[in-house]
C-alpha cells in the first residue's frame, strides 16, 4: 500500500518541503532502535537557476536505542548528512546527554531544557519531538507478533492492566484517565481494536474480537 501523500493545492508554487520519517526496529525482546530522519528540500531551480535537481538544505538522522518496557534511552547517534553551515556539526556530541533519559513522559520538556535555543539544533529538537510518540506506539508493537496476536495473554489484575497501558494515560482525550475507555479497561473490558486492524481482519475473513490484551480466553 502506498504511503499517504500531500494533496496538491489548486493554486500556488511549491517552494519548500519538510519531511519527517521515523522507524522502529526490534533489536531484542527488551530493546528497540528508533531511527528518525528530517529533510528540508527546495524544489529544482528555486535557489540555483536552471538546476535540474531538488536541493536538500537539511538532512539529519538520529538513532536512539531504547530499553523496553522502561523506555530509557541507552545509546544515541546523531548524523548530519546535509547542513547549511560548517559549524552545524559542532553540536552533535551534546546529544549524548539523552542517554539515561526516558523517552516517555516529560521527554519533550527535557529536550527543550537541554537543547533549546543556542544549546542545540532546532531541527534535531523538532525531530526528537516527532520521535517520542513513535516510541510509545512501538511499545504496543514490541508486545505483538506470532502467537501473541492469535492468543493474547490477558493481564489478570487491575495493576497488571494499568501497567500495560500506563504510557498512554492522558496523552489524548481518548486515553483520559477518567474517560469511558480507560474506565472500561480497568473494569476488565478488552481494548478497542484499532479501526485499521479491524477493517483488515474483516477483509481477511477473520474474527475481530480476539486481537490484543485484556480479552478473556
Protein backbone atom coordinates (compact mmCIF):
# COMPACT_ATOMS: atom_id res chain seq x y z
CA UNK A 1 0.00 0.00 0.00
CA UNK A 2 1.39 3.40 -0.96
CA UNK A 3 2.14 5.87 1.80
CA UNK A 4 -0.29 8.81 2.03
CA UNK A 5 0.87 11.91 0.16
CA UNK A 6 0.02 15.57 0.41
CA UNK A 7 -2.77 16.51 -1.99
CA UNK A 8 -1.57 19.29 -4.28
CA UNK A 9 -3.48 22.57 -3.89
CA UNK A 10 -5.31 24.10 -6.82
CA UNK A 11 -3.04 27.16 -6.81
CA UNK A 12 0.39 28.20 -5.59
CA UNK A 13 4.03 27.44 -6.36
CA UNK A 14 5.83 24.85 -4.26
CA UNK A 15 8.80 26.48 -2.50
CA UNK A 16 9.64 24.14 0.40
CA UNK A 17 9.05 20.58 1.62
CA UNK A 18 9.89 19.30 5.08
CA UNK A 19 9.51 15.60 5.77
CA UNK A 20 9.91 13.55 8.93
CA UNK A 21 10.28 9.80 8.87
CA UNK A 22 10.55 7.67 11.99
CA UNK A 23 11.01 3.92 12.01
CA UNK A 24 11.42 1.39 14.81
CA UNK A 25 13.47 -1.81 14.65
CA UNK A 26 13.17 -4.51 17.28
CA UNK A 27 16.68 -5.44 18.45
CA UNK A 28 15.85 -7.83 21.30
CA UNK A 29 12.71 -8.56 23.35
CA UNK A 30 13.94 -5.80 25.68
CA UNK A 31 15.17 -3.11 23.29
CA UNK A 32 14.50 -1.37 20.01
CA UNK A 33 16.23 1.07 17.68
CA UNK A 34 14.29 4.25 16.96
CA UNK A 35 15.57 5.97 13.80
CA UNK A 36 14.37 9.45 12.85
CA UNK A 37 15.12 11.49 9.72
CA UNK A 38 14.28 15.12 8.97
CA UNK A 39 14.75 16.55 5.49
CA UNK A 40 14.23 20.09 4.17
CA UNK A 41 14.04 20.19 0.40
CA UNK A 42 13.95 23.11 -2.03
CA UNK A 43 12.44 22.41 -5.45
CA UNK A 44 14.68 22.30 -8.53
CA UNK A 45 15.71 25.71 -9.82
CA UNK A 46 14.47 27.72 -6.84
CA UNK A 47 17.84 28.61 -5.32
CA UNK A 48 20.04 27.98 -8.37
CA UNK A 49 18.58 28.90 -11.78
CA UNK A 50 18.44 26.04 -14.29
CA UNK A 51 19.43 23.49 -11.63
CA UNK A 52 17.52 20.33 -12.65
CA UNK A 53 17.52 18.69 -9.22
CA UNK A 54 15.94 19.46 -5.83
CA UNK A 55 18.29 20.84 -3.18
CA UNK A 56 18.47 19.41 0.33
CA UNK A 57 19.14 22.10 2.91
CA UNK A 58 18.90 19.80 5.95
CA UNK A 59 19.14 16.05 6.26
CA UNK A 60 19.70 14.80 9.80
CA UNK A 61 19.45 11.26 11.15
CA UNK A 62 19.01 10.40 14.82
CA UNK A 63 19.32 6.84 16.16
CA UNK A 64 18.10 6.13 19.68
CA UNK A 65 18.47 2.71 21.29
CA UNK A 66 15.59 2.38 23.74
CA UNK A 67 15.10 -0.13 26.55
CA UNK A 68 11.69 -1.76 26.79
CA UNK A 69 9.46 -1.51 28.78
CA UNK A 70 11.18 1.31 30.70
CA UNK A 71 11.62 3.43 27.53
CA UNK A 72 15.03 4.54 28.81
CA UNK A 73 17.48 5.69 26.13
CA UNK A 74 20.68 3.64 26.28
CA UNK A 75 22.56 4.88 23.19
CA UNK A 76 22.45 7.90 20.88
CA UNK A 77 23.88 8.60 17.43
CA UNK A 78 23.33 11.88 15.57
CA UNK A 79 24.38 12.29 11.95
CA UNK A 80 24.26 15.49 9.86
CA UNK A 81 24.13 14.41 6.22
CA UNK A 82 23.25 17.84 4.81
CA UNK A 83 23.51 21.13 6.68
CA UNK A 84 23.87 24.80 5.67
CA UNK A 85 26.89 25.80 7.78
CA UNK A 86 30.26 24.23 8.53
CA UNK A 87 29.74 24.69 12.25
CA UNK A 88 26.39 22.88 12.35
CA UNK A 89 28.04 19.58 13.25
CA UNK A 90 29.81 21.04 16.29
CA UNK A 91 26.71 20.32 18.37
CA UNK A 92 26.34 16.59 17.69
CA UNK A 93 28.22 15.45 20.79
CA UNK A 94 25.92 17.31 23.16
CA UNK A 95 23.06 14.93 22.34
CA UNK A 96 24.82 12.21 24.32
CA UNK A 97 23.02 13.84 27.25
CA UNK A 98 19.95 11.93 26.10
CA UNK A 99 21.46 8.68 27.38
CA UNK A 100 19.67 7.68 30.55
CA UNK A 101 16.54 9.75 29.88
CA UNK A 102 13.12 8.22 29.40
CA UNK A 103 11.54 8.94 26.03
CA UNK A 104 8.13 8.66 27.66
CA UNK A 105 6.57 11.28 29.91
CA UNK A 106 8.34 14.63 30.23
CA UNK A 107 10.70 13.94 27.33
CA UNK A 108 9.85 16.98 25.22
CA UNK A 109 10.22 19.35 28.16
CA UNK A 110 13.60 17.83 28.99
CA UNK A 111 14.75 18.15 25.36
CA UNK A 112 13.87 21.86 25.38
CA UNK A 113 15.68 22.32 28.66
CA UNK A 114 18.85 20.61 27.46
CA UNK A 115 18.97 21.63 23.80
CA UNK A 116 16.69 24.64 23.33
CA UNK A 117 17.94 27.80 21.61
CA UNK A 118 21.73 28.08 21.35
CA UNK A 119 22.23 24.83 23.28
CA UNK A 120 21.29 22.64 20.30
CA UNK A 121 19.97 22.35 16.75
CA UNK A 122 16.36 23.44 16.21
CA UNK A 123 15.85 20.78 13.53
CA UNK A 124 17.14 17.96 15.73
CA UNK A 125 14.89 19.24 18.51
CA UNK A 126 11.85 19.12 16.23
CA UNK A 127 12.82 15.64 15.08
CA UNK A 128 13.16 14.37 18.64
CA UNK A 129 9.68 15.69 19.40
CA UNK A 130 8.37 13.74 16.41
CA UNK A 131 10.19 10.58 17.53
CA UNK A 132 8.88 10.47 21.10
CA UNK A 133 5.27 9.45 20.35
CA UNK A 134 6.54 6.84 17.88
CA UNK A 135 8.47 5.23 20.72
CA UNK A 136 5.26 4.89 22.70
CA UNK A 137 3.44 3.46 19.68
CA UNK A 138 6.30 0.98 19.33
CA UNK A 139 5.65 -0.29 22.83
CA UNK A 140 2.46 -1.88 21.54
CA UNK A 141 4.38 -3.39 18.63
CA UNK A 142 7.02 -4.86 20.94
CA UNK A 143 4.24 -6.95 22.52
CA UNK A 144 2.92 -8.20 19.20
CA UNK A 145 3.91 -10.91 16.77
CA UNK A 146 3.17 -14.55 16.07
CA UNK A 147 1.13 -16.29 18.74
CA UNK A 148 0.73 -13.04 20.66
CA UNK A 149 -1.83 -11.96 18.06
CA UNK A 150 -3.65 -15.26 17.85
CA UNK A 151 -3.75 -15.99 21.58
CA UNK A 152 -3.10 -12.81 23.56
CA UNK A 153 -2.33 -13.06 27.23
CA UNK A 154 -4.84 -11.31 29.45
CA UNK A 155 -3.37 -9.32 32.36
CA UNK A 156 -5.39 -10.70 35.25
CA UNK A 157 -5.19 -7.97 37.89
CA UNK A 158 -6.06 -4.29 37.86
CA UNK A 159 -2.41 -3.41 38.47
CA UNK A 160 -1.28 -5.51 35.51
CA UNK A 161 -3.85 -3.85 33.26
CA UNK A 162 -2.74 -0.40 34.41
CA UNK A 163 0.92 -1.15 33.70
CA UNK A 164 0.04 -2.40 30.22
CA UNK A 165 -1.38 0.94 29.10
CA UNK A 166 0.28 3.36 31.55
CA UNK A 167 2.25 5.17 28.83
CA UNK A 168 -0.99 6.15 27.07
CA UNK A 169 -2.82 7.68 30.02
CA UNK A 170 -3.81 11.33 29.45
CA UNK A 171 -1.90 11.53 26.15
CA UNK A 172 -5.15 12.43 24.36
CA UNK A 173 -8.90 12.69 25.00
CA UNK A 174 -9.47 9.00 24.20
CA UNK A 175 -6.97 7.99 26.89
CA UNK A 176 -8.39 10.36 29.52
CA UNK A 177 -7.87 8.58 32.83
CA UNK A 178 -11.47 9.37 33.72
CA UNK A 179 -12.85 8.62 30.25
CA UNK A 180 -15.04 5.72 29.20
CA UNK A 181 -12.31 3.65 27.51
CA UNK A 182 -9.89 3.64 30.46
CA UNK A 183 -12.77 3.06 32.87
CA UNK A 184 -13.84 0.06 30.84
CA UNK A 185 -10.33 -1.39 30.61
CA UNK A 186 -9.83 -1.09 34.35
CA UNK A 187 -13.07 -2.97 34.79
CA UNK A 188 -11.68 -5.78 32.64
CA UNK A 189 -13.01 -4.92 29.19
CA UNK A 190 -10.97 -5.55 26.04
CA UNK A 191 -9.06 -2.70 24.46
CA UNK A 192 -10.93 -1.40 21.43
CA UNK A 193 -9.44 -2.94 18.30
CA UNK A 194 -7.85 -0.19 16.16
CA UNK A 195 -10.05 0.60 13.17
CA UNK A 196 -7.31 -0.20 10.65
CA UNK A 197 -6.75 -3.61 12.26
CA UNK A 198 -10.47 -4.33 12.46
CA UNK A 199 -11.03 -3.48 8.81
CA UNK A 200 -8.08 -5.62 7.76
CA UNK A 201 -9.30 -8.58 9.83
CA UNK A 202 -12.75 -8.21 8.30
CA UNK A 203 -11.29 -8.14 4.79
CA UNK A 204 -9.37 -11.35 5.59
CA UNK A 205 -12.48 -13.01 6.94
CA UNK A 206 -11.04 -13.33 10.42
CA UNK A 207 -12.72 -12.66 13.80
CA UNK A 208 -12.22 -9.19 15.21
CA UNK A 209 -13.00 -9.85 18.87
CA UNK A 210 -9.76 -11.56 19.96
CA UNK A 211 -6.99 -9.31 18.85
CA UNK A 212 -4.95 -7.97 21.74
CA UNK A 213 -4.73 -7.68 25.51
CA UNK A 214 -7.41 -7.73 28.19
CA UNK A 215 -9.56 -10.32 26.36
CA UNK A 216 -10.83 -13.41 28.19
CA UNK A 217 -9.90 -16.83 26.84
